[in-house]
Structure formats: structure tokens, C-alpha cells
Amino acid sequence: MTISAPVTPALDTLTVGDIVAESSFPLTRDSLVRYAGASGDFNPIHYRDDVAHAVGLPGVLAHGMLTMGLAIQPVVDWAGDSARVLDYQVRFTRPVPVDPDLGAVVTVVAKVGALDADAGVARIDLTVTFNSVTVLGKAQARVSLV
């Protein structure tokens, strides 16, 4: 079996406004428990409705860092190597409630926001939504394509 290296997108084939990746990520309460175990973040607002309601939340919420991590994955897949992501920033604007029966689906659209030909870098702007509402604001990654 031959394993081929991922192909790096060519900067000169991109135009500002191009959509380079789109993905949807279903979340369940089980997903949150697994993430809590992996991250060590056992805040009960991520697994107990009674605690979430007691602090004024609509219910159990997905971890912000889980949402942030999911959002960058389509960019990493598109770039072919996580080391190509030079910088990644977001603002947490809204929580992602995870229904005990229906779960939640986080949707990501990655679009070219700017190109720096001299540096060989593309700025990728991410639109990250839950129920058609943006949950991460100013989500941007700078990706090296040289």
C-alpha cells in the first residue's frame, strides 16, 4: 500500500471569497463526556442540566474549546497539515446548548478572507453556527501555503 502526502493548496489558485471547506459536526451528551475526560474540564455545566439551569443557562453546553477545535478541523484538512496553521483566533459569542435527545450540530464554512502572496499566507475566515446562529465571532486562521 502506498500512502501519498497531502497536497497543499496553491495560493495562486485562490481568490478572496472562495469557500475552501465546509463541515458539520454532530454533538451528543456522550461527546461532551468524552471531551471532558480528554481535556480535564469537568465543569458540571457541560453534563448536568440542573447545574446549568441553576446558573442561568438554557441547559448543558458544549465546551467552548471543543467548539473552537471542531471549527479549525476543516481548515486543517484543506491545508493538508496542521503545521500550516500559523495563527488561529476566535471570540466566543454564543454557547452551543446540547439537547439530551437531539444533541446539536455545529456547522463550519471556511472562506478565503485575504491573500498575502509575498508571505505565501491565506487568511481563512470561519463562519461557525448552531441553529443558523453564529457561535464564534471573528474566527480566523492564517495558513501558510508555501
Protein backbone atom coordinates (compact mmCIF):
# COMPACT_ATOMS: atom_id res chain seq x y z
CA MET A 1 0.00 0.00 0.00
CA THR A 2 1.28 3.46 -0.92
CA ILE A 3 0.47 6.42 1.27
CA SER A 4 0.67 9.74 -0.50
CA ALA A 5 1.39 13.05 1.20
CA PRO A 6 -1.45 15.57 1.36
CA VAL A 7 -1.50 18.13 -1.43
CA THR A 8 -1.03 21.72 -0.27
CA PRO A 9 -3.49 24.12 -1.91
CA ALA A 10 -1.79 26.55 -4.30
CA LEU A 11 -2.05 30.18 -3.21
CA ASP A 12 -2.24 31.41 -6.81
CA THR A 13 -5.41 29.39 -7.42
CA LEU A 14 -7.31 31.11 -4.61
CA THR A 15 -9.47 34.20 -4.73
CA VAL A 16 -10.85 36.19 -1.83
CA GLY A 17 -14.34 34.87 -1.17
CA ASP A 18 -13.62 31.26 -2.23
CA ILE A 19 -15.15 28.67 0.07
CA VAL A 20 -12.36 26.18 0.76
CA ALA A 21 -14.10 23.88 3.24
CA GLU A 22 -17.48 23.14 4.79
CA SER A 23 -18.30 20.65 7.54
CA SER A 24 -20.96 19.81 10.07
CA PHE A 25 -20.20 18.28 13.45
CA PRO A 26 -22.91 16.48 15.39
CA LEU A 27 -22.53 16.65 19.17
CA THR A 28 -24.21 14.49 21.79
CA ARG A 29 -24.04 14.46 25.54
CA ASP A 30 -21.69 11.48 25.13
CA SER A 31 -19.40 13.71 23.01
CA LEU A 32 -19.23 16.19 25.89
CA VAL A 33 -18.38 13.50 28.44
CA ARG A 34 -15.61 12.18 26.20
CA TYR A 35 -14.25 15.69 25.65
CA ALA A 36 -14.38 16.39 29.41
CA GLY A 37 -12.32 13.26 30.02
CA ALA A 38 -9.78 14.16 27.35
CA SER A 39 -9.47 17.81 28.35
CA GLY A 40 -9.88 17.52 32.11
CA ASP A 41 -12.67 20.12 32.03
CA PHE A 42 -15.31 18.59 34.29
CA ASN A 43 -17.33 21.75 34.88
CA PRO A 44 -20.84 20.37 35.53
CA ILE A 45 -22.47 22.87 33.13
CA HIS A 46 -21.18 20.53 30.43
CA TYR A 47 -23.05 17.47 31.68
CA ARG A 48 -25.71 18.39 34.28
CA ASP A 49 -28.86 20.27 33.33
CA ASP A 50 -29.69 21.11 36.95
CA VAL A 51 -26.36 22.89 37.46
CA ALA A 52 -26.59 24.65 34.08
CA HIS A 53 -30.11 25.90 34.88
CA ALA A 54 -29.06 26.97 38.39
CA VAL A 55 -26.50 29.38 36.91
CA GLY A 56 -28.97 30.76 34.35
CA LEU A 57 -28.02 28.71 31.30
CA PRO A 58 -30.59 27.11 28.97
CA GLY A 59 -29.13 23.65 29.64
CA VAL A 60 -25.93 21.70 29.18
CA LEU A 61 -23.46 23.50 26.92
CA ALA A 62 -20.69 22.25 24.68
CA HIS A 63 -17.22 23.24 25.86
CA GLY A 64 -16.04 26.40 24.14
CA MET A 65 -12.68 24.84 23.36
CA LEU A 66 -14.42 21.83 21.82
CA THR A 67 -16.36 24.15 19.51
CA MET A 68 -13.16 26.03 18.69
CA GLY A 69 -11.32 22.78 17.95
CA LEU A 70 -14.07 21.49 15.70
CA ALA A 71 -14.12 24.77 13.79
CA ILE A 72 -10.46 24.61 12.75
CA GLN A 73 -10.55 20.97 11.63
CA PRO A 74 -11.93 21.64 8.11
CA VAL A 75 -9.13 24.17 7.57
CA VAL A 76 -6.50 21.66 8.71
CA ASP A 77 -7.98 19.03 6.39
CA TRP A 78 -7.97 21.50 3.48
CA ALA A 79 -4.40 22.69 4.17
CA GLY A 80 -3.16 19.11 4.46
CA ASP A 81 -1.08 19.64 7.60
CA SER A 82 -1.89 21.23 10.97
CA ALA A 83 1.57 22.84 11.00
CA ARG A 84 0.41 25.10 8.15
CA VAL A 85 -1.94 26.90 10.55
CA LEU A 86 0.21 29.80 11.73
CA ASP A 87 -2.40 31.55 13.85
CA TYR A 88 -5.98 30.87 14.90
CA GLN A 89 -8.25 33.19 16.84
CA VAL A 90 -11.91 33.32 17.76
CA ARG A 91 -14.30 35.19 20.00
CA PHE A 92 -16.85 33.12 21.86
CA THR A 93 -20.13 34.87 21.07
CA ARG A 94 -22.87 32.35 21.93
CA PRO A 95 -22.99 28.99 23.68
CA VAL A 96 -23.92 25.72 22.00
CA PRO A 97 -26.64 24.00 24.05
CA VAL A 98 -26.64 20.23 23.58
CA ASP A 99 -30.12 18.75 23.90
CA PRO A 100 -30.21 15.42 25.79
CA ASP A 101 -32.16 13.74 22.97
CA LEU A 102 -31.44 15.73 19.80
CA GLY A 103 -27.86 16.79 20.53
CA ALA A 104 -26.55 19.72 18.50
CA VAL A 105 -24.91 20.26 15.13
CA VAL A 106 -22.14 22.82 14.69
CA THR A 107 -21.64 23.93 11.08
CA VAL A 108 -18.42 25.45 9.73
CA VAL A 109 -17.86 27.31 6.46
CA ALA A 110 -14.26 28.31 5.71
CA LYS A 111 -13.77 31.12 3.21
CA VAL A 112 -10.70 32.94 1.92
CA GLY A 113 -10.72 36.36 3.60
CA ALA A 114 -7.37 37.72 2.40
CA LEU A 115 -4.28 36.63 0.49
CA ASP A 116 -0.68 37.69 1.10
CA ALA A 117 1.25 36.48 -1.93
CA ASP A 118 4.57 37.80 -0.63
CA ALA A 119 4.29 35.79 2.59
CA GLY A 120 2.51 32.83 0.97
CA VAL A 121 -0.29 33.10 3.51
CA ALA A 122 -4.05 32.91 3.20
CA ARG A 123 -6.36 34.27 5.87
CA ILE A 124 -9.28 31.93 6.22
CA ASP A 125 -12.44 33.35 7.76
CA LEU A 126 -14.67 30.84 9.51
CA THR A 127 -18.42 31.10 9.91
CA VAL A 128 -19.33 28.78 12.78
CA THR A 129 -23.03 28.32 13.51
CA PHE A 130 -25.50 26.35 15.58
CA ASN A 131 -29.16 26.52 14.50
CA SER A 132 -28.17 29.17 11.92
CA VAL A 133 -26.81 31.48 14.65
CA THR A 134 -23.11 32.40 14.77
CA VAL A 135 -21.40 30.95 17.86
CA LEU A 136 -17.80 32.02 17.18
CA GLY A 137 -17.12 35.59 16.11
CA LYS A 138 -14.05 36.87 14.28
CA ALA A 139 -12.95 33.29 13.75
CA GLN A 140 -9.87 33.50 11.54
CA ALA A 141 -6.89 31.34 10.75
CA ARG A 142 -3.70 32.30 8.94
CA VAL A 143 -2.48 29.41 6.81
CA SER A 144 0.92 29.07 5.15
CA LEU A 145 0.66 27.71 1.62
CA VAL A 146 4.35 27.69 0.69
